[in-house]
Amino acid sequence: MSDPEITVAALAQTDGRFLLVEERIGGRLVLNQPAGHLERGETLLEAVVREAREETAWRFTPEWLLGVYLWRQPRTQRLYKRFAFIGSVSDHRPEQPLDTGIVGTRWLTGGEIRARAAELRSPLVLRCIEDYLAGVRAPLDPLARLDLDTAPAVPAQTL
């Protein structure tokens, strides 16, 4: 079995609404947290800040680890290990072009996200929302320096 692909996701909530991106994947529009792949030479925290800025034009400040999740994409059988972070957003730059494939950002309530479950990029989107609403939180310190060489070794589970 090959190593999982390491991804990061940003969960930001303001006034009861969660920041999501609407993106075009395989010809269909889907909703996802701002998320993407860890790149060589960057830590998990650097990656989540970068991905959030590129996909939403917001500066994301990680405050907590929500969890570490495993998901196998049914069509491709690719395995993903997702590090999801809770944080806040500031310094919005509406003039900034968004990453390729991103149609726009959406601020949705948990109920609106549940109602649009068929439009979610993966089941991890709703799982992260549910864990957040359940109060799941862990400190950032143990993961602060993880990069591509060390992140695959972290046990895949939710905290």
Protein backbone atom coordinates (compact mmCIF):
# COMPACT_ATOMS: atom_id res chain seq x y z
CA MET A 1 0.00 0.00 0.00
CA SER A 2 1.34 3.44 -0.87
CA ASP A 3 1.65 6.31 1.59
CA PRO A 4 -1.40 8.53 1.91
CA GLU A 5 -1.43 11.93 0.27
CA ILE A 6 -1.04 14.57 2.98
CA THR A 7 -3.58 17.37 2.90
CA VAL A 8 -4.58 20.22 5.18
CA ALA A 9 -7.97 21.88 5.70
CA ALA A 10 -8.99 25.16 7.35
CA LEU A 11 -12.16 25.47 9.44
CA ALA A 12 -13.19 29.05 10.12
CA GLN A 13 -16.53 30.02 11.60
CA THR A 14 -17.88 33.56 11.89
CA ASP A 15 -21.35 34.45 13.16
CA GLY A 16 -22.46 30.80 12.98
CA ARG A 17 -21.33 30.35 9.38
CA PHE A 18 -18.43 28.29 8.06
CA LEU A 19 -16.09 29.40 5.30
CA LEU A 20 -16.23 27.00 2.35
CA VAL A 21 -15.01 27.09 -1.21
CA GLU A 22 -17.04 26.14 -4.23
CA GLU A 23 -14.76 24.44 -6.72
CA ARG A 24 -15.02 22.66 -10.03
CA ILE A 25 -13.75 19.06 -9.79
CA GLY A 26 -14.21 16.65 -12.67
CA GLY A 27 -16.77 18.91 -14.33
CA ARG A 28 -18.96 19.25 -11.24
CA LEU A 29 -19.27 21.99 -8.63
CA VAL A 30 -18.52 20.84 -5.10
CA LEU A 31 -18.15 22.41 -1.67
CA ASN A 32 -15.08 21.93 0.49
CA GLN A 33 -13.23 23.57 3.31
CA PRO A 34 -10.26 25.58 2.03
CA ALA A 35 -7.84 22.69 1.64
CA GLY A 36 -4.95 21.32 -0.33
CA HIS A 37 -1.74 19.35 -0.41
CA LEU A 38 1.27 19.85 1.79
CA GLU A 39 4.22 20.95 -0.34
CA ARG A 40 7.89 20.05 0.14
CA GLY A 41 9.67 22.36 2.54
CA GLU A 42 6.61 23.62 4.37
CA THR A 43 5.10 22.64 7.70
CA LEU A 44 1.46 21.66 8.13
CA LEU A 45 0.69 25.07 9.65
CA GLU A 46 2.38 26.92 6.80
CA ALA A 47 0.43 24.79 4.31
CA VAL A 48 -2.99 25.49 5.82
CA VAL A 49 -2.29 29.24 5.95
CA ARG A 50 -1.12 29.21 2.31
CA GLU A 51 -4.02 27.10 1.04
CA ALA A 52 -6.63 29.25 2.78
CA ARG A 53 -5.14 32.44 1.32
CA GLU A 54 -4.87 30.97 -2.19
CA GLU A 55 -8.40 29.57 -2.21
CA THR A 56 -10.33 32.26 -0.31
CA ALA A 57 -8.24 35.47 -0.24
CA TRP A 58 -8.53 35.40 3.58
CA ARG A 59 -5.59 35.14 5.99
CA PHE A 60 -6.19 32.06 8.14
CA THR A 61 -4.67 31.91 11.62
CA PRO A 62 -4.61 28.33 12.98
CA GLU A 63 -5.60 28.10 16.65
CA TRP A 64 -6.38 24.40 17.22
CA LEU A 65 -6.01 21.04 15.57
CA LEU A 66 -9.45 19.62 14.87
CA GLY A 67 -8.23 16.15 13.92
CA VAL A 68 -6.34 13.85 11.62
CA TYR A 69 -8.61 11.99 9.19
CA LEU A 70 -8.18 9.18 6.67
CA TRP A 71 -10.31 8.88 3.55
CA ARG A 72 -10.04 6.69 0.48
CA GLN A 73 -11.47 8.23 -2.67
CA PRO A 74 -13.83 5.52 -3.99
CA ARG A 75 -13.28 6.15 -7.71
CA THR A 76 -9.46 6.43 -7.71
CA GLN A 77 -8.73 4.47 -4.50
CA ARG A 78 -6.27 7.22 -3.53
CA LEU A 79 -5.77 7.46 0.23
CA TYR A 80 -5.73 10.88 1.88
CA LYS A 81 -4.57 11.86 5.36
CA ARG A 82 -6.19 15.18 6.22
CA PHE A 83 -4.97 17.45 8.99
CA ALA A 84 -7.87 19.78 9.80
CA PHE A 85 -7.24 23.00 11.69
CA ILE A 86 -9.59 25.40 13.43
CA GLY A 87 -8.80 29.08 13.24
CA SER A 88 -9.92 32.57 12.43
CA VAL A 89 -9.77 34.65 9.28
CA SER A 90 -8.80 38.28 8.76
CA ASP A 91 -7.26 40.58 6.15
CA HIS A 92 -9.60 39.69 3.30
CA ARG A 93 -8.28 40.68 -0.14
CA PRO A 94 -11.31 40.55 -2.45
CA GLU A 95 -9.26 41.71 -5.46
CA GLN A 96 -6.96 38.66 -5.18
CA PRO A 97 -7.51 36.02 -7.87
CA LEU A 98 -8.49 32.66 -6.35
CA ASP A 99 -6.70 29.37 -7.04
CA THR A 100 -7.41 27.52 -10.29
CA GLY A 101 -10.72 25.66 -10.11
CA ILE A 102 -12.14 27.77 -7.27
CA VAL A 103 -15.40 29.40 -8.34
CA GLY A 104 -15.87 31.38 -5.12
CA THR A 105 -16.27 31.30 -1.38
CA ARG A 106 -19.45 30.58 0.57
CA TRP A 107 -20.33 31.20 4.22
CA LEU A 108 -22.84 28.50 5.24
CA THR A 109 -24.36 27.34 8.52
CA GLY A 110 -23.98 23.76 9.70
CA GLY A 111 -27.61 23.14 8.70
CA GLU A 112 -27.07 24.52 5.21
CA ILE A 113 -24.00 22.32 4.80
CA ARG A 114 -25.92 19.22 5.97
CA ALA A 115 -28.71 20.06 3.50
CA ARG A 116 -26.14 20.20 0.68
CA ALA A 117 -24.38 16.93 1.62
CA ALA A 118 -24.63 15.63 -1.96
CA GLU A 119 -22.54 18.62 -3.11
CA LEU A 120 -19.65 18.04 -0.70
CA ARG A 121 -16.28 17.09 -2.17
CA SER A 122 -15.85 14.30 0.38
CA PRO A 123 -17.54 13.02 3.54
CA LEU A 124 -14.69 14.65 5.49
CA VAL A 125 -16.23 18.10 4.93
CA LEU A 126 -19.30 17.30 7.03
CA ARG A 127 -17.32 15.12 9.45
CA CYS A 128 -15.08 18.09 10.25
CA ILE A 129 -18.09 20.37 10.75
CA GLU A 130 -19.72 17.83 13.09
CA ASP A 131 -16.51 17.37 15.09
CA TYR A 132 -16.10 21.14 15.36
CA LEU A 133 -19.68 21.56 16.60
CA ALA A 134 -19.10 18.73 19.11
CA GLY A 135 -16.25 20.77 20.61
CA VAL A 136 -13.34 18.63 19.41
CA ARG A 137 -10.07 20.57 19.84
CA ALA A 138 -6.40 19.70 20.38
CA PRO A 139 -3.35 21.95 20.83
CA LEU A 140 -1.21 22.80 17.81
CA ASP A 141 2.16 22.28 19.49
CA PRO A 142 2.65 18.57 18.67
CA LEU A 143 2.16 19.27 14.93
CA ALA A 144 3.75 22.69 14.59
CA ARG A 145 6.94 21.44 12.91
CA LEU A 146 5.60 18.49 10.91
CA ASP A 147 6.48 18.46 7.24
CA LEU A 148 6.29 15.90 4.42
CA ASP A 149 9.00 13.78 5.97
CA THR A 150 7.29 13.48 9.34
CA ALA A 151 3.52 13.95 8.71
CA PRO A 152 2.89 10.46 7.23
CA ALA A 153 4.02 8.89 10.53
CA VAL A 154 1.30 10.57 12.61
CA PRO A 155 -1.40 8.02 13.51
CA ALA A 156 -4.50 8.53 11.38
CA GLN A 157 -7.41 9.14 13.69
CA THR A 158 -9.55 11.94 14.95
CA LEU A 159 -8.50 13.44 18.23
